[in-house]
Amino acid sequence: MTQDLDPAALDQLFRSARTQNAWQDRPIPDTKLQDLYDLLKYGPTSANSSPARFVFIRTAEGKAKLKPALSEGNIAKTMTAPVTAIVAYDPAFYEQLPKLFPHTDARSWFSDNPSLAEVTAFRNGTLQGAYLIIAARALGLDTGAMSGFDNAKVDAAFFADTGWKSNFLVNLGYGDPTGLFERSPRLSFDEAVRLE
């Protein structure tokens, strides 16, 4: 990692990428979803904890199961998206640490400290959800992340036997630019950054 990405790559990942609200009728093959996971999994997490868990909803049955949990403003764009990812996390992620972080007994850091395990799982699972968005853009997909849904309903419908907890949703597909709003402003460097 010795040089900047070229401007076109930076545009695709950040500057020209937009949160999509409408979708083209183009499916995403399961192989692309596997490629997506196989890319995002390399993003860093503390102690390689990798607590995020993902459900890629791509069938009519899966969408019907999700629909009752969505806020009214998110129903149409989610039902028409080729795939909706539930970004979740596993509060018992530490059970995988002997495999994922074998150089020391990292499991013991969390197994008797549920509050530390919860905050670590949520923080690092959120990071992995952001990696999903960047990886999707890198693979030519558009995204629409959202938090307008009932977490308890999603958890009951999809995670009843797992202990996993939903964090946020990301619609995936090929965006229809007619559904875009004008780009909202961002804070300037001076408004958001302090140098000390």
C-alpha atoms as a PDB file:
ATOM      1  CA  MET A   1       0.000   0.000   0.000  1.00  0.00           C
ATOM      2  CA  THR A   2       2.364   2.639  -1.249  1.00  0.00           C
ATOM      3  CA  GLN A   3       0.212   4.842  -3.447  1.00  0.00           C
ATOM      4  CA  ASP A   4      -3.212   6.420  -3.658  1.00  0.00           C
ATOM      5  CA  LEU A   5      -5.917   4.683  -5.651  1.00  0.00           C
ATOM      6  CA  ASP A   6      -6.615   6.336  -8.970  1.00  0.00           C
ATOM      7  CA  PRO A   7      -9.355   9.017  -9.021  1.00  0.00           C
ATOM      8  CA  ALA A   8     -11.854   6.747 -10.776  1.00  0.00           C
ATOM      9  CA  ALA A   9     -11.568   4.168  -7.979  1.00  0.00           C
ATOM     10  CA  LEU A  10     -11.972   6.868  -5.321  1.00  0.00           C
ATOM     11  CA  ASP A  11     -15.052   8.146  -7.151  1.00  0.00           C
ATOM     12  CA  GLN A  12     -16.553   4.641  -7.275  1.00  0.00           C
ATOM     13  CA  LEU A  13     -15.947   4.023  -3.586  1.00  0.00           C
ATOM     14  CA  PHE A  14     -16.752   7.469  -2.193  1.00  0.00           C
ATOM     15  CA  ARG A  15     -17.176  10.652  -4.224  1.00  0.00           C
ATOM     16  CA  SER A  16     -19.688   9.472  -6.841  1.00  0.00           C
ATOM     17  CA  ALA A  17     -21.252   6.657  -4.808  1.00  0.00           C
ATOM     18  CA  ARG A  18     -24.743   7.404  -3.556  1.00  0.00           C
ATOM     19  CA  THR A  19     -27.265   5.850  -1.203  1.00  0.00           C
ATOM     20  CA  GLN A  20     -29.798   4.289  -3.560  1.00  0.00           C
ATOM     21  CA  ASN A  21     -33.586   4.391  -3.141  1.00  0.00           C
ATOM     22  CA  ALA A  22     -34.673   2.732  -6.409  1.00  0.00           C
ATOM     23  CA  TRP A  23     -33.354  -0.313  -8.201  1.00  0.00           C
ATOM     24  CA  GLN A  24     -32.967  -1.741 -11.658  1.00  0.00           C
ATOM     25  CA  ASP A  25     -34.550  -5.144 -12.217  1.00  0.00           C
ATOM     26  CA  ARG A  26     -31.163  -6.914 -12.327  1.00  0.00           C
ATOM     27  CA  PRO A  27     -30.488  -9.885 -10.050  1.00  0.00           C
ATOM     28  CA  ILE A  28     -27.303 -10.382  -8.079  1.00  0.00           C
ATOM     29  CA  PRO A  29     -25.968 -13.927  -8.439  1.00  0.00           C
ATOM     30  CA  ASP A  30     -25.116 -15.823  -5.271  1.00  0.00           C
ATOM     31  CA  THR A  31     -21.509 -16.016  -6.478  1.00  0.00           C
ATOM     32  CA  LYS A  32     -21.325 -12.197  -6.296  1.00  0.00           C
ATOM     33  CA  LEU A  33     -22.594 -12.310  -2.717  1.00  0.00           C
ATOM     34  CA  GLN A  34     -19.875 -14.808  -1.862  1.00  0.00           C
ATOM     35  CA  ASP A  35     -17.295 -12.546  -3.537  1.00  0.00           C
ATOM     36  CA  LEU A  36     -18.670  -9.682  -1.451  1.00  0.00           C
ATOM     37  CA  TYR A  37     -18.225 -11.548   1.819  1.00  0.00           C
ATOM     38  CA  ASP A  38     -14.827 -12.872   0.781  1.00  0.00           C
ATOM     39  CA  LEU A  39     -13.676  -9.267   0.309  1.00  0.00           C
ATOM     40  CA  LEU A  40     -15.243  -7.591   3.337  1.00  0.00           C
ATOM     41  CA  LYS A  41     -13.972 -10.258   5.755  1.00  0.00           C
ATOM     42  CA  TYR A  42     -10.459  -8.829   5.428  1.00  0.00           C
ATOM     43  CA  GLY A  43     -11.395  -5.513   7.044  1.00  0.00           C
ATOM     44  CA  PRO A  44      -9.776  -5.143  10.478  1.00  0.00           C
ATOM     45  CA  THR A  45     -11.582  -5.836  13.752  1.00  0.00           C
ATOM     46  CA  SER A  46     -10.164  -5.819  17.268  1.00  0.00           C
ATOM     47  CA  ALA A  47      -8.403  -9.108  18.043  1.00  0.00           C
ATOM     48  CA  ASN A  48      -9.676 -10.293  14.645  1.00  0.00           C
ATOM     49  CA  SER A  49     -12.969 -10.802  16.477  1.00  0.00           C
ATOM     50  CA  SER A  50     -15.108 -10.668  13.314  1.00  0.00           C
ATOM     51  CA  PRO A  51     -18.422 -10.522  15.201  1.00  0.00           C
ATOM     52  CA  ALA A  52     -20.612  -9.489  12.260  1.00  0.00           C
ATOM     53  CA  ARG A  53     -23.076 -11.971  10.868  1.00  0.00           C
ATOM     54  CA  PHE A  54     -24.945 -11.395   7.613  1.00  0.00           C
ATOM     55  CA  VAL A  55     -28.206 -12.584   6.133  1.00  0.00           C
ATOM     56  CA  PHE A  56     -28.588 -11.916   2.406  1.00  0.00           C
ATOM     57  CA  ILE A  57     -32.318 -11.815   1.737  1.00  0.00           C
ATOM     58  CA  ARG A  58     -32.924 -12.430  -1.963  1.00  0.00           C
ATOM     59  CA  THR A  59     -36.167 -14.415  -2.198  1.00  0.00           C
ATOM     60  CA  ALA A  60     -39.805 -13.326  -2.106  1.00  0.00           C
ATOM     61  CA  GLU A  61     -40.265 -15.459   1.016  1.00  0.00           C
ATOM     62  CA  GLY A  62     -37.373 -13.761   2.769  1.00  0.00           C
ATOM     63  CA  LYS A  63     -38.635 -10.302   1.822  1.00  0.00           C
ATOM     64  CA  ALA A  64     -42.122 -11.194   3.098  1.00  0.00           C
ATOM     65  CA  LYS A  65     -40.568 -12.188   6.418  1.00  0.00           C
ATOM     66  CA  LEU A  66     -38.688  -8.875   6.616  1.00  0.00           C
ATOM     67  CA  LYS A  67     -41.496  -6.567   5.478  1.00  0.00           C
ATOM     68  CA  PRO A  68     -43.448  -6.356   8.792  1.00  0.00           C
ATOM     69  CA  ALA A  69     -40.330  -5.020  10.525  1.00  0.00           C
ATOM     70  CA  LEU A  70     -39.731  -2.154   8.070  1.00  0.00           C
ATOM     71  CA  SER A  71     -40.778   1.433   8.653  1.00  0.00           C
ATOM     72  CA  GLU A  72     -43.261   2.693   6.066  1.00  0.00           C
ATOM     73  CA  GLY A  73     -40.688   4.796   4.215  1.00  0.00           C
ATOM     74  CA  ASN A  74     -38.371   1.827   3.689  1.00  0.00           C
ATOM     75  CA  ILE A  75     -40.852  -0.757   2.380  1.00  0.00           C
ATOM     76  CA  ALA A  76     -40.915   0.032  -1.345  1.00  0.00           C
ATOM     77  CA  LYS A  77     -37.164   0.418  -1.796  1.00  0.00           C
ATOM     78  CA  THR A  78     -36.462  -2.732   0.197  1.00  0.00           C
ATOM     79  CA  MET A  79     -39.066  -4.877  -1.518  1.00  0.00           C
ATOM     80  CA  THR A  80     -37.684  -3.900  -4.942  1.00  0.00           C
ATOM     81  CA  ALA A  81     -33.988  -4.267  -4.071  1.00  0.00           C
ATOM     82  CA  PRO A  82     -32.475  -7.457  -5.505  1.00  0.00           C
ATOM     83  CA  VAL A  83     -30.893  -8.246  -2.116  1.00  0.00           C
ATOM     84  CA  THR A  84     -31.255  -6.868   1.380  1.00  0.00           C
ATOM     85  CA  ALA A  85     -28.435  -7.612   3.805  1.00  0.00           C
ATOM     86  CA  ILE A  86     -29.160  -7.796   7.491  1.00  0.00           C
ATOM     87  CA  VAL A  87     -25.963  -6.690   9.195  1.00  0.00           C
ATOM     88  CA  ALA A  88     -26.050  -8.389  12.573  1.00  0.00           C
ATOM     89  CA  TYR A  89     -23.573  -9.297  15.279  1.00  0.00           C
ATOM     90  CA  ASP A  90     -22.970 -12.251  17.532  1.00  0.00           C
ATOM     91  CA  PRO A  91     -22.556 -11.250  21.207  1.00  0.00           C
ATOM     92  CA  ALA A  92     -20.880 -14.640  21.762  1.00  0.00           C
ATOM     93  CA  PHE A  93     -18.304 -13.956  19.018  1.00  0.00           C
ATOM     94  CA  TYR A  94     -15.556 -14.796  21.509  1.00  0.00           C
ATOM     95  CA  GLU A  95     -16.300 -18.501  21.110  1.00  0.00           C
ATOM     96  CA  GLN A  96     -14.552 -18.216  17.720  1.00  0.00           C
ATOM     97  CA  LEU A  97     -11.457 -16.465  19.103  1.00  0.00           C
ATOM     98  CA  PRO A  98      -9.408 -19.647  19.636  1.00  0.00           C
ATOM     99  CA  LYS A  99      -9.655 -20.057  15.844  1.00  0.00           C
ATOM    100  CA  LEU A 100      -9.503 -16.388  14.816  1.00  0.00           C
ATOM    101  CA  PHE A 101      -6.890 -15.116  17.318  1.00  0.00           C
ATOM    102  CA  PRO A 102      -4.910 -18.206  18.320  1.00  0.00           C
ATOM    103  CA  HIS A 103      -1.752 -16.505  19.658  1.00  0.00           C
ATOM    104  CA  THR A 104      -3.265 -15.954  23.119  1.00  0.00           C
ATOM    105  CA  ASP A 105      -6.348 -16.795  25.161  1.00  0.00           C
ATOM    106  CA  ALA A 106      -8.434 -13.867  23.876  1.00  0.00           C
ATOM    107  CA  ARG A 107     -11.658 -15.754  24.630  1.00  0.00           C
ATOM    108  CA  SER A 108     -11.080 -15.186  28.363  1.00  0.00           C
ATOM    109  CA  TRP A 109     -11.097 -11.415  27.833  1.00  0.00           C
ATOM    110  CA  PHE A 110     -14.805 -11.552  26.984  1.00  0.00           C
ATOM    111  CA  SER A 111     -16.343 -14.810  28.244  1.00  0.00           C
ATOM    112  CA  ASP A 112     -16.837 -13.516  31.803  1.00  0.00           C
ATOM    113  CA  ASN A 113     -17.502  -9.909  30.846  1.00  0.00           C
ATOM    114  CA  PRO A 114     -20.821  -9.682  28.963  1.00  0.00           C
ATOM    115  CA  SER A 115     -20.839  -5.866  28.821  1.00  0.00           C
ATOM    116  CA  LEU A 116     -17.373  -5.789  27.213  1.00  0.00           C
ATOM    117  CA  ALA A 117     -18.408  -8.565  24.823  1.00  0.00           C
ATOM    118  CA  GLU A 118     -21.572  -6.654  23.828  1.00  0.00           C
ATOM    119  CA  VAL A 119     -19.853  -3.337  23.136  1.00  0.00           C
ATOM    120  CA  THR A 120     -17.001  -5.070  21.290  1.00  0.00           C
ATOM    121  CA  ALA A 121     -19.438  -7.066  19.162  1.00  0.00           C
ATOM    122  CA  PHE A 122     -21.545  -4.020  18.332  1.00  0.00           C
ATOM    123  CA  ARG A 123     -18.603  -1.741  17.531  1.00  0.00           C
ATOM    124  CA  ASN A 124     -16.700  -4.221  15.397  1.00  0.00           C
ATOM    125  CA  GLY A 125     -19.846  -5.592  13.762  1.00  0.00           C
ATOM    126  CA  THR A 126     -20.707  -2.027  12.733  1.00  0.00           C
ATOM    127  CA  LEU A 127     -17.235  -1.671  11.215  1.00  0.00           C
ATOM    128  CA  GLN A 128     -17.822  -4.843   9.243  1.00  0.00           C
ATOM    129  CA  GLY A 129     -21.126  -3.456   7.984  1.00  0.00           C
ATOM    130  CA  ALA A 130     -19.235  -0.429   6.670  1.00  0.00           C
ATOM    131  CA  TYR A 131     -16.737  -2.767   5.018  1.00  0.00           C
ATOM    132  CA  LEU A 132     -19.702  -4.467   3.331  1.00  0.00           C
ATOM    133  CA  ILE A 133     -20.758  -1.135   1.789  1.00  0.00           C
ATOM    134  CA  ILE A 134     -17.257  -0.336   0.519  1.00  0.00           C
ATOM    135  CA  ALA A 135     -16.702  -3.888  -0.759  1.00  0.00           C
ATOM    136  CA  ALA A 136     -20.060  -3.822  -2.565  1.00  0.00           C
ATOM    137  CA  ARG A 137     -19.123  -0.566  -4.275  1.00  0.00           C
ATOM    138  CA  ALA A 138     -15.722  -2.008  -5.189  1.00  0.00           C
ATOM    139  CA  LEU A 139     -17.525  -4.932  -6.874  1.00  0.00           C
ATOM    140  CA  GLY A 140     -19.781  -2.649  -8.921  1.00  0.00           C
ATOM    141  CA  LEU A 141     -22.870  -2.839  -6.712  1.00  0.00           C
ATOM    142  CA  ASP A 142     -24.893   0.053  -5.356  1.00  0.00           C
ATOM    143  CA  THR A 143     -25.995   0.198  -1.738  1.00  0.00           C
ATOM    144  CA  GLY A 144     -28.687   1.721   0.403  1.00  0.00           C
ATOM    145  CA  ALA A 145     -27.986   1.430   4.117  1.00  0.00           C
ATOM    146  CA  MET A 146     -30.793   2.131   6.567  1.00  0.00           C
ATOM    147  CA  SER A 147     -31.832   1.841  10.158  1.00  0.00           C
ATOM    148  CA  GLY A 148     -35.584   2.425   9.800  1.00  0.00           C
ATOM    149  CA  PHE A 149     -36.855  -0.922  11.050  1.00  0.00           C
ATOM    150  CA  ASP A 150     -37.852  -2.748  14.218  1.00  0.00           C
ATOM    151  CA  ASN A 151     -34.800  -4.640  15.481  1.00  0.00           C
ATOM    152  CA  ALA A 152     -36.839  -6.833  17.818  1.00  0.00           C
ATOM    153  CA  LYS A 153     -39.056  -8.006  14.943  1.00  0.00           C
ATOM    154  CA  VAL A 154     -36.047  -8.738  12.721  1.00  0.00           C
ATOM    155  CA  ASP A 155     -34.331 -10.642  15.521  1.00  0.00           C
ATOM    156  CA  ALA A 156     -37.473 -12.690  16.224  1.00  0.00           C
ATOM    157  CA  ALA A 157     -37.996 -13.476  12.539  1.00  0.00           C
ATOM    158  CA  PHE A 158     -34.415 -14.294  11.574  1.00  0.00           C
ATOM    159  CA  PHE A 159     -32.310 -14.945  14.703  1.00  0.00           C
ATOM    160  CA  ALA A 160     -34.583 -16.645  17.230  1.00  0.00           C
ATOM    161  CA  ASP A 161     -32.286 -19.661  17.630  1.00  0.00           C
ATOM    162  CA  THR A 162     -28.910 -17.938  17.198  1.00  0.00           C
ATOM    163  CA  GLY A 163     -28.491 -15.179  19.795  1.00  0.00           C
ATOM    164  CA  TRP A 164     -27.441 -12.843  16.978  1.00  0.00           C
ATOM    165  CA  LYS A 165     -28.704  -9.245  17.055  1.00  0.00           C
ATOM    166  CA  SER A 166     -29.559  -7.048  14.085  1.00  0.00           C
ATOM    167  CA  ASN A 167     -27.715  -3.762  13.692  1.00  0.00           C
ATOM    168  CA  PHE A 168     -28.736  -2.211  10.341  1.00  0.00           C
ATOM    169  CA  LEU A 169     -29.892  -3.134   6.844  1.00  0.00           C
ATOM    170  CA  VAL A 170     -28.214  -2.587   3.482  1.00  0.00           C
ATOM    171  CA  ASN A 171     -30.095  -2.882   0.215  1.00  0.00           C
ATOM    172  CA  LEU A 172     -27.849  -4.137  -2.590  1.00  0.00           C
ATOM    173  CA  GLY A 173     -28.229  -4.035  -6.333  1.00  0.00           C
ATOM    174  CA  TYR A 174     -27.859  -1.794  -9.337  1.00  0.00           C
ATOM    175  CA  GLY A 175     -29.328   1.601  -8.575  1.00  0.00           C
ATOM    176  CA  ASP A 176     -31.892   3.424 -10.667  1.00  0.00           C
ATOM    177  CA  PRO A 177     -30.668   7.043 -10.721  1.00  0.00           C
ATOM    178  CA  THR A 178     -34.232   8.367 -11.028  1.00  0.00           C
ATOM    179  CA  GLY A 179     -34.666   7.497  -7.342  1.00  0.00           C
ATOM    180  CA  LEU A 180     -31.799   9.675  -6.119  1.00  0.00           C
ATOM    181  CA  PHE A 181     -32.269  12.835  -4.113  1.00  0.00           C
ATOM    182  CA  GLU A 182     -29.951  15.780  -4.594  1.00  0.00           C
ATOM    183  CA  ARG A 183     -26.749  15.010  -2.707  1.00  0.00           C
ATOM    184  CA  SER A 184     -26.850  16.348   0.835  1.00  0.00           C
ATOM    185  CA  PRO A 185     -23.995  18.525   2.063  1.00  0.00           C
ATOM    186  CA  ARG A 186     -21.154  17.225   4.215  1.00  0.00           C
ATOM    187  CA  LEU A 187     -19.258  18.953   6.992  1.00  0.00           C
ATOM    188  CA  SER A 188     -16.033  20.610   5.955  1.00  0.00           C
ATOM    189  CA  PHE A 189     -12.640  19.563   7.302  1.00  0.00           C
ATOM    190  CA  ASP A 190     -12.618  22.548   9.679  1.00  0.00           C
ATOM    191  CA  GLU A 191     -16.089  21.710  11.007  1.00  0.00           C
ATOM    192  CA  ALA A 192     -15.400  18.035  11.691  1.00  0.00           C
ATOM    193  CA  VAL A 193     -11.676  17.741  12.422  1.00  0.00           C
ATOM    194  CA  ARG A 194      -9.316  18.965  15.116  1.00  0.00           C
ATOM    195  CA  LEU A 195      -5.560  18.721  14.716  1.00  0.00           C
ATOM    196  CA  GLU A 196      -3.656  18.529  17.989  1.00  0.00           C
END
